[in-house]
Amino acid sequence: MKLPNLFEKDAVPTPYSPGQIIFQDGQPRDFMYVVKKGEVDIVIRDQVVETVGEDGFFGELALIDHAPRSASAIAKTDCVLIKIDERQFLYLVQETPFFAIVVMRTLAARIRRRNAQTIH
C-alpha cells in the first residue's frame, strides 16, 4: 500500500546503494522510510520476507511500539528513501486520518502474509 505524498516538501531524500544496510534487527528505532526510487528487502533471520518498492514504506512498526527493530532492511537496488521521524509520524497520524488507515492496512496485510507463510 502506498502513502500519500504528505511529507515531500520538507523531505531530504537519502540515497542507498545495492547491499547497503539501512537498519538491522535489534537496533534502536529512529525512522520509518518511504521508498521514492528503487527497492528494499526486508529480512528476518536471513530470509527476505518482503521487497518494498517505489512509494511503499517500511520501519513503521518501531515508531508505533518503541521496541527495537524486528527485521533488517537492505537496499536491493540503487534506491532513494525519505525518512520520517516520530514527530512527523505523529503529526501525520493526527492531521491526516488516511495516513493512519494506510499504515494500519499495510501492517494487517503483512501480518496476514506472515501468518500464511507459517501455516504452509
PDB file of N, CA and C in Angstrom:
ATOM      1  N   MET A   1       0.848  -1.175   0.000  1.00  0.00           N
ATOM      2  CA  MET A   1       0.000   0.000   0.000  1.00  0.00           C
ATOM      3  C   MET A   1       0.894   1.238   0.000  1.00  0.00           C
ATOM      4  N   LYS A   2       0.455   2.265  -0.650  1.00  0.00           N
ATOM      5  CA  LYS A   2       1.278   3.454  -0.808  1.00  0.00           C
ATOM      6  C   LYS A   2       0.760   4.613   0.033  1.00  0.00           C
ATOM      7  N   LEU A   3       1.702   5.443   0.466  1.00  0.00           N
ATOM      8  CA  LEU A   3       1.347   6.611   1.264  1.00  0.00           C
ATOM      9  C   LEU A   3       1.150   7.816   0.368  1.00  0.00           C
ATOM     10  N   PRO A   4       0.286   8.727   0.760  1.00  0.00           N
ATOM     11  CA  PRO A   4       0.164   9.979   0.018  1.00  0.00           C
ATOM     12  C   PRO A   4       1.439  10.788   0.201  1.00  0.00           C
ATOM     13  N   ASN A   5       1.721  11.683  -0.710  1.00  0.00           N
ATOM     14  CA  ASN A   5       2.940  12.495  -0.657  1.00  0.00           C
ATOM     15  C   ASN A   5       2.787  13.666   0.305  1.00  0.00           C
ATOM     16  N   LEU A   6       2.514  13.366   1.556  1.00  0.00           N
ATOM     17  CA  LEU A   6       2.249  14.402   2.549  1.00  0.00           C
ATOM     18  C   LEU A   6       3.508  15.081   3.068  1.00  0.00           C
ATOM     19  N   PHE A   7       4.630  14.428   2.941  1.00  0.00           N
ATOM     20  CA  PHE A   7       5.854  14.909   3.565  1.00  0.00           C
ATOM     21  C   PHE A   7       6.898  15.327   2.546  1.00  0.00           C
ATOM     22  N   GLU A   8       6.563  15.320   1.288  1.00  0.00           N
ATOM     23  CA  GLU A   8       7.518  15.560   0.211  1.00  0.00           C
ATOM     24  C   GLU A   8       8.240  16.899   0.306  1.00  0.00           C
ATOM     25  N   LYS A   9       7.544  17.974   0.600  1.00  0.00           N
ATOM     26  CA  LYS A   9       8.181  19.287   0.506  1.00  0.00           C
ATOM     27  C   LYS A   9       9.271  19.504   1.550  1.00  0.00           C
ATOM     28  N   ASP A  10       9.172  18.878   2.713  1.00  0.00           N
ATOM     29  CA  ASP A  10      10.179  19.043   3.757  1.00  0.00           C
ATOM     30  C   ASP A  10      11.178  17.894   3.790  1.00  0.00           C
ATOM     31  N   ALA A  11      10.999  16.917   2.928  1.00  0.00           N
ATOM     32  CA  ALA A  11      11.814  15.712   2.982  1.00  0.00           C
ATOM     33  C   ALA A  11      13.183  15.907   2.339  1.00  0.00           C
ATOM     34  N   VAL A  12      14.161  15.235   2.926  1.00  0.00           N
ATOM     35  CA  VAL A  12      15.504  15.208   2.362  1.00  0.00           C
ATOM     36  C   VAL A  12      15.749  13.774   1.902  1.00  0.00           C
ATOM     37  N   PRO A  13      15.771  13.542   0.593  1.00  0.00           N
ATOM     38  CA  PRO A  13      15.984  12.182   0.092  1.00  0.00           C
ATOM     39  C   PRO A  13      17.385  11.683   0.443  1.00  0.00           C
ATOM     40  N   THR A  14      17.473  10.396   0.804  1.00  0.00           N
ATOM     41  CA  THR A  14      18.749   9.782   1.140  1.00  0.00           C
ATOM     42  C   THR A  14      18.991   8.619   0.184  1.00  0.00           C
ATOM     43  N   PRO A  15      20.112   8.651  -0.553  1.00  0.00           N
ATOM     44  CA  PRO A  15      20.400   7.556  -1.480  1.00  0.00           C
ATOM     45  C   PRO A  15      21.077   6.374  -0.776  1.00  0.00           C
ATOM     46  N   TYR A  16      20.805   5.174  -1.254  1.00  0.00           N
ATOM     47  CA  TYR A  16      21.442   3.946  -0.769  1.00  0.00           C
ATOM     48  C   TYR A  16      21.854   3.122  -1.982  1.00  0.00           C
ATOM     49  N   SER A  17      22.946   2.393  -1.843  1.00  0.00           N
ATOM     50  CA  SER A  17      23.464   1.527  -2.903  1.00  0.00           C
ATOM     51  C   SER A  17      23.014   0.094  -2.660  1.00  0.00           C
ATOM     52  N   PRO A  18      22.985  -0.736  -3.717  1.00  0.00           N
ATOM     53  CA  PRO A  18      22.599  -2.141  -3.523  1.00  0.00           C
ATOM     54  C   PRO A  18      23.466  -2.801  -2.454  1.00  0.00           C
ATOM     55  N   GLY A  19      22.811  -3.525  -1.547  1.00  0.00           N
ATOM     56  CA  GLY A  19      23.509  -4.220  -0.471  1.00  0.00           C
ATOM     57  C   GLY A  19      23.746  -3.380   0.772  1.00  0.00           C
ATOM     58  N   GLN A  20      23.498  -2.087   0.681  1.00  0.00           N
ATOM     59  CA  GLN A  20      23.726  -1.216   1.833  1.00  0.00           C
ATOM     60  C   GLN A  20      22.649  -1.470   2.892  1.00  0.00           C
ATOM     61  N   ILE A  21      23.086  -1.608   4.141  1.00  0.00           N
ATOM     62  CA  ILE A  21      22.163  -1.851   5.251  1.00  0.00           C
ATOM     63  C   ILE A  21      21.547  -0.525   5.688  1.00  0.00           C
ATOM     64  N   ILE A  22      20.236  -0.485   5.726  1.00  0.00           N
ATOM     65  CA  ILE A  22      19.507   0.714   6.156  1.00  0.00           C
ATOM     66  C   ILE A  22      19.330   0.661   7.671  1.00  0.00           C
ATOM     67  N   PHE A  23      18.910  -0.501   8.171  1.00  0.00           N
ATOM     68  CA  PHE A  23      18.917  -0.774   9.610  1.00  0.00           C
ATOM     69  C   PHE A  23      18.956  -2.279   9.814  1.00  0.00           C
ATOM     70  N   GLN A  24      19.329  -2.694  11.046  1.00  0.00           N
ATOM     71  CA  GLN A  24      19.441  -4.110  11.359  1.00  0.00           C
ATOM     72  C   GLN A  24      18.526  -4.504  12.515  1.00  0.00           C
ATOM     73  N   ASP A  25      18.137  -5.756  12.481  1.00  0.00           N
ATOM     74  CA  ASP A  25      17.352  -6.352  13.562  1.00  0.00           C
ATOM     75  C   ASP A  25      18.023  -6.055  14.902  1.00  0.00           C
ATOM     76  N   GLY A  26      17.235  -5.594  15.868  1.00  0.00           N
ATOM     77  CA  GLY A  26      17.744  -5.329  17.203  1.00  0.00           C
ATOM     78  C   GLY A  26      18.209  -3.903  17.442  1.00  0.00           C
ATOM     79  N   GLN A  27      18.402  -3.142  16.375  1.00  0.00           N
ATOM     80  CA  GLN A  27      18.832  -1.755  16.554  1.00  0.00           C
ATOM     81  C   GLN A  27      17.705  -0.923  17.154  1.00  0.00           C
ATOM     82  N   PRO A  28      18.071   0.145  17.866  1.00  0.00           N
ATOM     83  CA  PRO A  28      17.037   1.059  18.358  1.00  0.00           C
ATOM     84  C   PRO A  28      16.300   1.680  17.176  1.00  0.00           C
ATOM     85  N   ARG A  29      15.073   1.983  17.396  1.00  0.00           N
ATOM     86  CA  ARG A  29      14.272   2.582  16.331  1.00  0.00           C
ATOM     87  C   ARG A  29      14.606   4.062  16.194  1.00  0.00           C
ATOM     88  N   ASP A  30      14.381   4.603  14.990  1.00  0.00           N
ATOM     89  CA  ASP A  30      14.613   6.023  14.771  1.00  0.00           C
ATOM     90  C   ASP A  30      13.667   6.589  13.723  1.00  0.00           C
ATOM     91  N   PHE A  31      13.535   5.918  12.590  1.00  0.00           N
ATOM     92  CA  PHE A  31      12.728   6.423  11.481  1.00  0.00           C
ATOM     93  C   PHE A  31      11.910   5.299  10.864  1.00  0.00           C
ATOM     94  N   MET A  32      10.860   5.678  10.166  1.00  0.00           N
ATOM     95  CA  MET A  32      10.280   4.813   9.162  1.00  0.00           C
ATOM     96  C   MET A  32      10.740   5.389   7.829  1.00  0.00           C
ATOM     97  N   TYR A  33      10.593   4.644   6.766  1.00  0.00           N
ATOM     98  CA  TYR A  33      11.130   5.059   5.478  1.00  0.00           C
ATOM     99  C   TYR A  33      10.087   4.891   4.385  1.00  0.00           C
ATOM    100  N   VAL A  34      10.096   5.816   3.428  1.00  0.00           N
ATOM    101  CA  VAL A  34       9.281   5.720   2.220  1.00  0.00           C
ATOM    102  C   VAL A  34      10.251   5.562   1.055  1.00  0.00           C
ATOM    103  N   VAL A  35       9.990   4.596   0.195  1.00  0.00           N
ATOM    104  CA  VAL A  35      10.850   4.342  -0.958  1.00  0.00           C
ATOM    105  C   VAL A  35      10.390   5.245  -2.104  1.00  0.00           C
ATOM    106  N   LYS A  36      11.219   6.184  -2.476  1.00  0.00           N
ATOM    107  CA  LYS A  36      10.888   7.075  -3.593  1.00  0.00           C
ATOM    108  C   LYS A  36      11.432   6.530  -4.906  1.00  0.00           C
ATOM    109  N   LYS A  37      12.479   5.710  -4.824  1.00  0.00           N
ATOM    110  CA  LYS A  37      13.059   5.106  -6.023  1.00  0.00           C
ATOM    111  C   LYS A  37      13.755   3.822  -5.613  1.00  0.00           C
ATOM    112  N   GLY A  38      13.594   2.768  -6.409  1.00  0.00           N
ATOM    113  CA  GLY A  38      14.293   1.523  -6.158  1.00  0.00           C
ATOM    114  C   GLY A  38      13.513   0.541  -5.309  1.00  0.00           C
ATOM    115  N   GLU A  39      14.254  -0.436  -4.727  1.00  0.00           N
ATOM    116  CA  GLU A  39      13.633  -1.485  -3.929  1.00  0.00           C
ATOM    117  C   GLU A  39      14.483  -1.785  -2.699  1.00  0.00           C
ATOM    118  N   VAL A  40      13.797  -2.167  -1.616  1.00  0.00           N
ATOM    119  CA  VAL A  40      14.444  -2.508  -0.351  1.00  0.00           C
ATOM    120  C   VAL A  40      13.924  -3.871   0.103  1.00  0.00           C
ATOM    121  N   ASP A  41      14.854  -4.760   0.475  1.00  0.00           N
ATOM    122  CA  ASP A  41      14.475  -6.056   1.019  1.00  0.00           C
ATOM    123  C   ASP A  41      14.335  -5.961   2.531  1.00  0.00           C
ATOM    124  N   ILE A  42      13.260  -6.554   3.060  1.00  0.00           N
ATOM    125  CA  ILE A  42      13.063  -6.680   4.498  1.00  0.00           C
ATOM    126  C   ILE A  42      13.438  -8.124   4.844  1.00  0.00           C
ATOM    127  N   VAL A  43      14.380  -8.263   5.773  1.00  0.00           N
ATOM    128  CA  VAL A  43      14.978  -9.564   6.063  1.00  0.00           C
ATOM    129  C   VAL A  43      14.774  -9.926   7.533  1.00  0.00           C
ATOM    130  N   ILE A  44      14.280 -11.161   7.751  1.00  0.00           N
ATOM    131  CA  ILE A  44      14.137 -11.712   9.098  1.00  0.00           C
ATOM    132  C   ILE A  44      14.852 -13.058   9.114  1.00  0.00           C
ATOM    133  N   ARG A  45      15.789 -13.215  10.041  1.00  0.00           N
ATOM    134  CA  ARG A  45      16.570 -14.453  10.170  1.00  0.00           C
ATOM    135  C   ARG A  45      17.140 -14.908   8.829  1.00  0.00           C
ATOM    136  N   ASP A  46      17.806 -13.991   8.134  1.00  0.00           N
ATOM    137  CA  ASP A  46      18.475 -14.258   6.854  1.00  0.00           C
ATOM    138  C   ASP A  46      17.527 -14.644   5.718  1.00  0.00           C
ATOM    139  N   GLN A  47      16.238 -14.376   5.874  1.00  0.00           N
ATOM    140  CA  GLN A  47      15.276 -14.675   4.817  1.00  0.00           C
ATOM    141  C   GLN A  47      14.563 -13.396   4.407  1.00  0.00           C
ATOM    142  N   VAL A  48      14.517 -13.127   3.098  1.00  0.00           N
ATOM    143  CA  VAL A  48      13.766 -11.971   2.601  1.00  0.00           C
ATOM    144  C   VAL A  48      12.292 -12.296   2.750  1.00  0.00           C
ATOM    145  N   VAL A  49      11.592 -11.472   3.541  1.00  0.00           N
ATOM    146  CA  VAL A  49      10.159 -11.700   3.763  1.00  0.00           C
ATOM    147  C   VAL A  49       9.299 -10.749   2.947  1.00  0.00           C
ATOM    148  N   GLU A  50       9.918  -9.689   2.452  1.00  0.00           N
ATOM    149  CA  GLU A  50       9.184  -8.719   1.640  1.00  0.00           C
ATOM    150  C   GLU A  50      10.178  -7.837   0.898  1.00  0.00           C
ATOM    151  N   THR A  51       9.785  -7.422  -0.293  1.00  0.00           N
ATOM    152  CA  THR A  51      10.539  -6.410  -1.028  1.00  0.00           C
ATOM    153  C   THR A  51       9.624  -5.211  -1.191  1.00  0.00           C
ATOM    154  N   VAL A  52      10.073  -4.062  -0.704  1.00  0.00           N
ATOM    155  CA  VAL A  52       9.271  -2.840  -0.753  1.00  0.00           C
ATOM    156  C   VAL A  52       9.759  -2.009  -1.933  1.00  0.00           C
ATOM    157  N   GLY A  53       8.818  -1.636  -2.797  1.00  0.00           N
ATOM    158  CA  GLY A  53       9.149  -0.865  -3.988  1.00  0.00           C
ATOM    159  C   GLY A  53       8.737   0.589  -3.873  1.00  0.00           C
ATOM    160  N   GLU A  54       8.806   1.271  -5.006  1.00  0.00           N
ATOM    161  CA  GLU A  54       8.512   2.710  -5.070  1.00  0.00           C
ATOM    162  C   GLU A  54       7.192   3.073  -4.417  1.00  0.00           C
ATOM    163  N   ASP A  55       7.236   4.115  -3.603  1.00  0.00           N
ATOM    164  CA  ASP A  55       6.113   4.660  -2.854  1.00  0.00           C
ATOM    165  C   ASP A  55       5.605   3.750  -1.745  1.00  0.00           C
ATOM    166  N   GLY A  56       6.244   2.606  -1.554  1.00  0.00           N
ATOM    167  CA  GLY A  56       5.939   1.763  -0.410  1.00  0.00           C
ATOM    168  C   GLY A  56       6.692   2.278   0.809  1.00  0.00           C
ATOM    169  N   PHE A  57       6.430   1.683   1.967  1.00  0.00           N
ATOM    170  CA  PHE A  57       7.107   2.136   3.184  1.00  0.00           C
ATOM    171  C   PHE A  57       7.427   0.962   4.081  1.00  0.00           C
ATOM    172  N   PHE A  58       8.341   1.188   5.015  1.00  0.00           N
ATOM    173  CA  PHE A  58       8.740   0.158   5.967  1.00  0.00           C
ATOM    174  C   PHE A  58       9.324   0.838   7.204  1.00  0.00           C
ATOM    175  N   GLY A  59       9.451   0.062   8.275  1.00  0.00           N
ATOM    176  CA  GLY A  59      10.030   0.581   9.506  1.00  0.00           C
ATOM    177  C   GLY A  59       9.039   1.263  10.428  1.00  0.00           C
ATOM    178  N   GLU A  60       7.765   1.268  10.057  1.00  0.00           N
ATOM    179  CA  GLU A  60       6.751   1.972  10.843  1.00  0.00           C
ATOM    180  C   GLU A  60       6.471   1.304  12.186  1.00  0.00           C
ATOM    181  N   LEU A  61       6.666   0.002  12.265  1.00  0.00           N
ATOM    182  CA  LEU A  61       6.362  -0.719  13.493  1.00  0.00           C
ATOM    183  C   LEU A  61       7.158  -0.176  14.676  1.00  0.00           C
ATOM    184  N   ALA A  62       8.409   0.139  14.451  1.00  0.00           N
ATOM    185  CA  ALA A  62       9.247   0.650  15.540  1.00  0.00           C
ATOM    186  C   ALA A  62       8.774   2.009  16.045  1.00  0.00           C
ATOM    187  N   LEU A  63       8.136   2.798  15.183  1.00  0.00           N
ATOM    188  CA  LEU A  63       7.603   4.084  15.632  1.00  0.00           C
ATOM    189  C   LEU A  63       6.288   3.909  16.389  1.00  0.00           C
ATOM    190  N   ILE A  64       5.635   2.791  16.176  1.00  0.00           N
ATOM    191  CA  ILE A  64       4.366   2.540  16.853  1.00  0.00           C
ATOM    192  C   ILE A  64       4.589   1.959  18.243  1.00  0.00           C
ATOM    193  N   ASP A  65       5.484   0.969  18.358  1.00  0.00           N
ATOM    194  CA  ASP A  65       5.611   0.293  19.656  1.00  0.00           C
ATOM    195  C   ASP A  65       6.901   0.577  20.426  1.00  0.00           C
ATOM    196  N   HIS A  66       7.785   1.366  19.885  1.00  0.00           N
ATOM    197  CA  HIS A  66       9.019   1.803  20.566  1.00  0.00           C
ATOM    198  C   HIS A  66       9.983   0.663  20.878  1.00  0.00           C
ATOM    199  N   ALA A  67       9.758  -0.502  20.326  1.00  0.00           N
ATOM    200  CA  ALA A  67      10.661  -1.628  20.541  1.00  0.00           C
ATOM    201  C   ALA A  67      11.805  -1.576  19.526  1.00  0.00           C
ATOM    202  N   PRO A  68      12.879  -2.301  19.789  1.00  0.00           N
ATOM    203  CA  PRO A  68      13.970  -2.360  18.804  1.00  0.00           C
ATOM    204  C   PRO A  68      13.465  -2.958  17.484  1.00  0.00           C
ATOM    205  N   ARG A  69      14.230  -2.761  16.445  1.00  0.00           N
ATOM    206  CA  ARG A  69      13.875  -3.278  15.120  1.00  0.00           C
ATOM    207  C   ARG A  69      13.688  -4.793  15.175  1.00  0.00           C
ATOM    208  N   SER A  70      12.661  -5.291  14.484  1.00  0.00           N
ATOM    209  CA  SER A  70      12.376  -6.722  14.453  1.00  0.00           C
ATOM    210  C   SER A  70      12.828  -7.368  13.150  1.00  0.00           C
ATOM    211  N   ALA A  71      13.394  -6.578  12.263  1.00  0.00           N
ATOM    212  CA  ALA A  71      13.877  -7.069  10.972  1.00  0.00           C
ATOM    213  C   ALA A  71      15.024  -6.166  10.533  1.00  0.00           C
ATOM    214  N   SER A  72      15.682  -6.586   9.477  1.00  0.00           N
ATOM    215  CA  SER A  72      16.709  -5.750   8.850  1.00  0.00           C
ATOM    216  C   SER A  72      16.160  -5.247   7.528  1.00  0.00           C
ATOM    217  N   ALA A  73      16.639  -4.094   7.095  1.00  0.00           N
ATOM    218  CA  ALA A  73      16.270  -3.537   5.797  1.00  0.00           C
ATOM    219  C   ALA A  73      17.553  -3.311   5.014  1.00  0.00           C
ATOM    220  N   ILE A  74      17.592  -3.856   3.793  1.00  0.00           N
ATOM    221  CA  ILE A  74      18.789  -3.800   2.963  1.00  0.00           C
ATOM    222  C   ILE A  74      18.386  -3.345   1.567  1.00  0.00           C
ATOM    223  N   ALA A  75      19.115  -2.366   1.039  1.00  0.00           N
ATOM    224  CA  ALA A  75      18.826  -1.882  -0.316  1.00  0.00           C
ATOM    225  C   ALA A  75      19.035  -3.024  -1.307  1.00  0.00           C
ATOM    226  N   LYS A  76      18.009  -3.329  -2.083  1.00  0.00           N
ATOM    227  CA  LYS A  76      18.104  -4.366  -3.111  1.00  0.00           C
ATOM    228  C   LYS A  76      18.691  -3.778  -4.388  1.00  0.00           C
ATOM    229  N   THR A  77      18.316  -2.555  -4.661  1.00  0.00           N
ATOM    230  CA  THR A  77      18.797  -1.843  -5.847  1.00  0.00           C
ATOM    231  C   THR A  77      19.281  -0.461  -5.393  1.00  0.00           C
ATOM    232  N   ASP A  78      19.813   0.316  -6.331  1.00  0.00           N
ATOM    233  CA  ASP A  78      20.027   1.721  -6.008  1.00  0.00           C
ATOM    234  C   ASP A  78      18.673   2.267  -5.614  1.00  0.00           C
ATOM    235  N   CYS A  79      18.618   2.967  -4.503  1.00  0.00           N
ATOM    236  CA  CYS A  79      17.325   3.491  -4.086  1.00  0.00           C
ATOM    237  C   CYS A  79      17.483   4.842  -3.397  1.00  0.00           C
ATOM    238  N   VAL A  80      16.367   5.542  -3.326  1.00  0.00           N
ATOM    239  CA  VAL A  80      16.285   6.827  -2.633  1.00  0.00           C
ATOM    240  C   VAL A  80      15.138   6.710  -1.644  1.00  0.00           C
ATOM    241  N   LEU A  81      15.447   7.019  -0.376  1.00  0.00           N
ATOM    242  CA  LEU A  81      14.460   6.882   0.687  1.00  0.00           C
ATOM    243  C   LEU A  81      14.190   8.223   1.351  1.00  0.00           C
ATOM    244  N   ILE A  82      12.965   8.373   1.830  1.00  0.00           N
ATOM    245  CA  ILE A  82      12.567   9.530   2.634  1.00  0.00           C
ATOM    246  C   ILE A  82      12.398   9.029   4.064  1.00  0.00           C
ATOM    247  N   LYS A  83      13.078   9.673   4.999  1.00  0.00           N
ATOM    248  CA  LYS A  83      12.969   9.302   6.410  1.00  0.00           C
ATOM    249  C   LYS A  83      11.831  10.081   7.067  1.00  0.00           C
ATOM    250  N   ILE A  84      11.072   9.387   7.907  1.00  0.00           N
ATOM    251  CA  ILE A  84      10.017  10.022   8.695  1.00  0.00           C
ATOM    252  C   ILE A  84      10.305   9.713  10.156  1.00  0.00           C
ATOM    253  N   ASP A  85      10.531  10.749  10.958  1.00  0.00           N
ATOM    254  CA  ASP A  85      10.809  10.524  12.381  1.00  0.00           C
ATOM    255  C   ASP A  85       9.500  10.458  13.173  1.00  0.00           C
ATOM    256  N   GLU A  86       9.610  10.201  14.464  1.00  0.00           N
ATOM    257  CA  GLU A  86       8.413  10.027  15.285  1.00  0.00           C
ATOM    258  C   GLU A  86       7.545  11.290  15.322  1.00  0.00           C
ATOM    259  N   ARG A  87       8.165  12.444  15.384  1.00  0.00           N
ATOM    260  CA  ARG A  87       7.407  13.694  15.410  1.00  0.00           C
ATOM    261  C   ARG A  87       6.570  13.831  14.139  1.00  0.00           C
ATOM    262  N   GLN A  88       7.180  13.591  12.982  1.00  0.00           N
ATOM    263  CA  GLN A  88       6.459  13.673  11.717  1.00  0.00           C
ATOM    264  C   GLN A  88       5.368  12.607  11.642  1.00  0.00           C
ATOM    265  N   PHE A  89       5.694  11.406  12.106  1.00  0.00           N
ATOM    266  CA  PHE A  89       4.740  10.304  12.091  1.00  0.00           C
ATOM    267  C   PHE A  89       3.494  10.654  12.903  1.00  0.00           C
ATOM    268  N   LEU A  90       3.698  11.144  14.125  1.00  0.00           N
ATOM    269  CA  LEU A  90       2.565  11.501  14.983  1.00  0.00           C
ATOM    270  C   LEU A  90       1.746  12.640  14.392  1.00  0.00           C
ATOM    271  N   TYR A  91       2.412  13.600  13.777  1.00  0.00           N
ATOM    272  CA  TYR A  91       1.706  14.698  13.124  1.00  0.00           C
ATOM    273  C   TYR A  91       0.825  14.153  11.994  1.00  0.00           C
ATOM    274  N   LEU A  92       1.398  13.266  11.171  1.00  0.00           N
ATOM    275  CA  LEU A  92       0.634  12.716  10.056  1.00  0.00           C
ATOM    276  C   LEU A  92      -0.563  11.895  10.537  1.00  0.00           C
ATOM    277  N   VAL A  93      -0.366  11.122  11.603  1.00  0.00           N
ATOM    278  CA  VAL A  93      -1.476  10.336  12.165  1.00  0.00           C
ATOM    279  C   VAL A  93      -2.585  11.265  12.667  1.00  0.00           C
ATOM    280  N   GLN A  94      -2.194  12.327  13.358  1.00  0.00           N
ATOM    281  CA  GLN A  94      -3.170  13.246  13.944  1.00  0.00           C
ATOM    282  C   GLN A  94      -3.888  14.083  12.889  1.00  0.00           C
ATOM    283  N   GLU A  95      -3.145  14.593  11.928  1.00  0.00           N
ATOM    284  CA  GLU A  95      -3.707  15.539  10.963  1.00  0.00           C
ATOM    285  C   GLU A  95      -4.292  14.901   9.708  1.00  0.00           C
ATOM    286  N   THR A  96      -3.908  13.652   9.439  1.00  0.00           N
ATOM    287  CA  THR A  96      -4.342  13.016   8.206  1.00  0.00           C
ATOM    288  C   THR A  96      -4.808  11.594   8.505  1.00  0.00           C
ATOM    289  N   PRO A  97      -6.064  11.414   8.838  1.00  0.00           N
ATOM    290  CA  PRO A  97      -6.559  10.078   9.178  1.00  0.00           C
ATOM    291  C   PRO A  97      -6.274   9.030   8.101  1.00  0.00           C
ATOM    292  N   PHE A  98      -6.254   9.438   6.836  1.00  0.00           N
ATOM    293  CA  PHE A  98      -5.971   8.483   5.766  1.00  0.00           C
ATOM    294  C   PHE A  98      -4.580   7.875   5.924  1.00  0.00           C
ATOM    295  N   PHE A  99      -3.624   8.665   6.384  1.00  0.00           N
ATOM    296  CA  PHE A  99      -2.265   8.174   6.630  1.00  0.00           C
ATOM    297  C   PHE A  99      -2.312   7.013   7.625  1.00  0.00           C
ATOM    298  N   ALA A 100      -3.011   7.192   8.727  1.00  0.00           N
ATOM    299  CA  ALA A 100      -3.106   6.153   9.749  1.00  0.00           C
ATOM    300  C   ALA A 100      -3.776   4.899   9.198  1.00  0.00           C
ATOM    301  N   ILE A 101      -4.807   5.056   8.387  1.00  0.00           N
ATOM    302  CA  ILE A 101      -5.505   3.914   7.785  1.00  0.00           C
ATOM    303  C   ILE A 101      -4.564   3.148   6.864  1.00  0.00           C
ATOM    304  N   VAL A 102      -3.787   3.855   6.052  1.00  0.00           N
ATOM    305  CA  VAL A 102      -2.841   3.194   5.143  1.00  0.00           C
ATOM    306  C   VAL A 102      -1.815   2.400   5.944  1.00  0.00           C
ATOM    307  N   VAL A 103      -1.290   2.979   7.005  1.00  0.00           N
ATOM    308  CA  VAL A 103      -0.307   2.282   7.839  1.00  0.00           C
ATOM    309  C   VAL A 103      -0.935   1.035   8.456  1.00  0.00           C
ATOM    310  N   MET A 104      -2.133   1.159   9.015  1.00  0.00           N
ATOM    311  CA  MET A 104      -2.796   0.010   9.641  1.00  0.00           C
ATOM    312  C   MET A 104      -3.121  -1.080   8.624  1.00  0.00           C
ATOM    313  N   ARG A 105      -3.585  -0.715   7.444  1.00  0.00           N
ATOM    314  CA  ARG A 105      -3.904  -1.710   6.423  1.00  0.00           C
ATOM    315  C   ARG A 105      -2.643  -2.434   5.958  1.00  0.00           C
ATOM    316  N   THR A 106      -1.559  -1.699   5.841  1.00  0.00           N
ATOM    317  CA  THR A 106      -0.303  -2.325   5.431  1.00  0.00           C
ATOM    318  C   THR A 106       0.195  -3.284   6.505  1.00  0.00           C
ATOM    319  N   LEU A 107       0.132  -2.874   7.764  1.00  0.00           N
ATOM    320  CA  LEU A 107       0.529  -3.769   8.858  1.00  0.00           C
ATOM    321  C   LEU A 107      -0.339  -5.025   8.869  1.00  0.00           C
ATOM    322  N   ALA A 108      -1.637  -4.860   8.686  1.00  0.00           N
ATOM    323  CA  ALA A 108      -2.545  -6.010   8.669  1.00  0.00           C
ATOM    324  C   ALA A 108      -2.199  -6.956   7.526  1.00  0.00           C
ATOM    325  N   ALA A 109      -1.918  -6.428   6.351  1.00  0.00           N
ATOM    326  CA  ALA A 109      -1.562  -7.263   5.200  1.00  0.00           C
ATOM    327  C   ALA A 109      -0.259  -8.008   5.459  1.00  0.00           C
ATOM    328  N   ARG A 110       0.709  -7.343   6.076  1.00  0.00           N
ATOM    329  CA  ARG A 110       1.978  -8.001   6.385  1.00  0.00           C
ATOM    330  C   ARG A 110       1.778  -9.129   7.396  1.00  0.00           C
ATOM    331  N   ILE A 111       0.958  -8.903   8.407  1.00  0.00           N
ATOM    332  CA  ILE A 111       0.679  -9.944   9.404  1.00  0.00           C
ATOM    333  C   ILE A 111      -0.015 -11.129   8.743  1.00  0.00           C
ATOM    334  N   ARG A 112      -0.981 -10.866   7.889  1.00  0.00           N
ATOM    335  CA  ARG A 112      -1.693 -11.957   7.205  1.00  0.00           C
ATOM    336  C   ARG A 112      -0.748 -12.773   6.322  1.00  0.00           C
ATOM    337  N   ARG A 113       0.155 -12.083   5.601  1.00  0.00           N
ATOM    338  CA  ARG A 113       1.131 -12.800   4.762  1.00  0.00           C
ATOM    339  C   ARG A 113       2.043 -13.680   5.612  1.00  0.00           C
ATOM    340  N   ARG A 114       2.537 -13.132   6.716  1.00  0.00           N
ATOM    341  CA  ARG A 114       3.424 -13.909   7.596  1.00  0.00           C
ATOM    342  C   ARG A 114       2.679 -15.101   8.205  1.00  0.00           C
ATOM    343  N   ASN A 115       1.428 -14.897   8.597  1.00  0.00           N
ATOM    344  CA  ASN A 115       0.635 -15.999   9.137  1.00  0.00           C
ATOM    345  C   ASN A 115       0.452 -17.102   8.090  1.00  0.00           C
ATOM    346  N   ALA A 116       0.178 -16.698   6.861  1.00  0.00           N
ATOM    347  CA  ALA A 116       0.003 -17.670   5.792  1.00  0.00           C
ATOM    348  C   ALA A 116       1.297 -18.434   5.520  1.00  0.00           C
ATOM    349  N   GLN A 117       2.423 -17.768   5.623  1.00  0.00           N
ATOM    350  CA  GLN A 117       3.718 -18.418   5.408  1.00  0.00           C
ATOM    351  C   GLN A 117       4.016 -19.436   6.500  1.00  0.00           C
ATOM    352  N   THR A 118       3.636 -19.150   7.734  1.00  0.00           N
ATOM    353  CA  THR A 118       3.950 -20.069   8.831  1.00  0.00           C
ATOM    354  C   THR A 118       3.035 -21.283   8.826  1.00  0.00           C
ATOM    355  N   ILE A 119       1.864 -21.179   8.217  1.00  0.00           N
ATOM    356  CA  ILE A 119       0.916 -22.304   8.148  1.00  0.00           C
ATOM    357  C   ILE A 119       1.386 -23.319   7.115  1.00  0.00           C
ATOM    358  N   HIS A 120       1.979 -22.857   6.028  1.00  0.00           N
ATOM    359  CA  HIS A 120       2.385 -23.756   4.940  1.00  0.00           C
ATOM    360  C   HIS A 120       3.778 -24.246   5.127  1.00  0.00           C
TER     361      HIS A 120
END
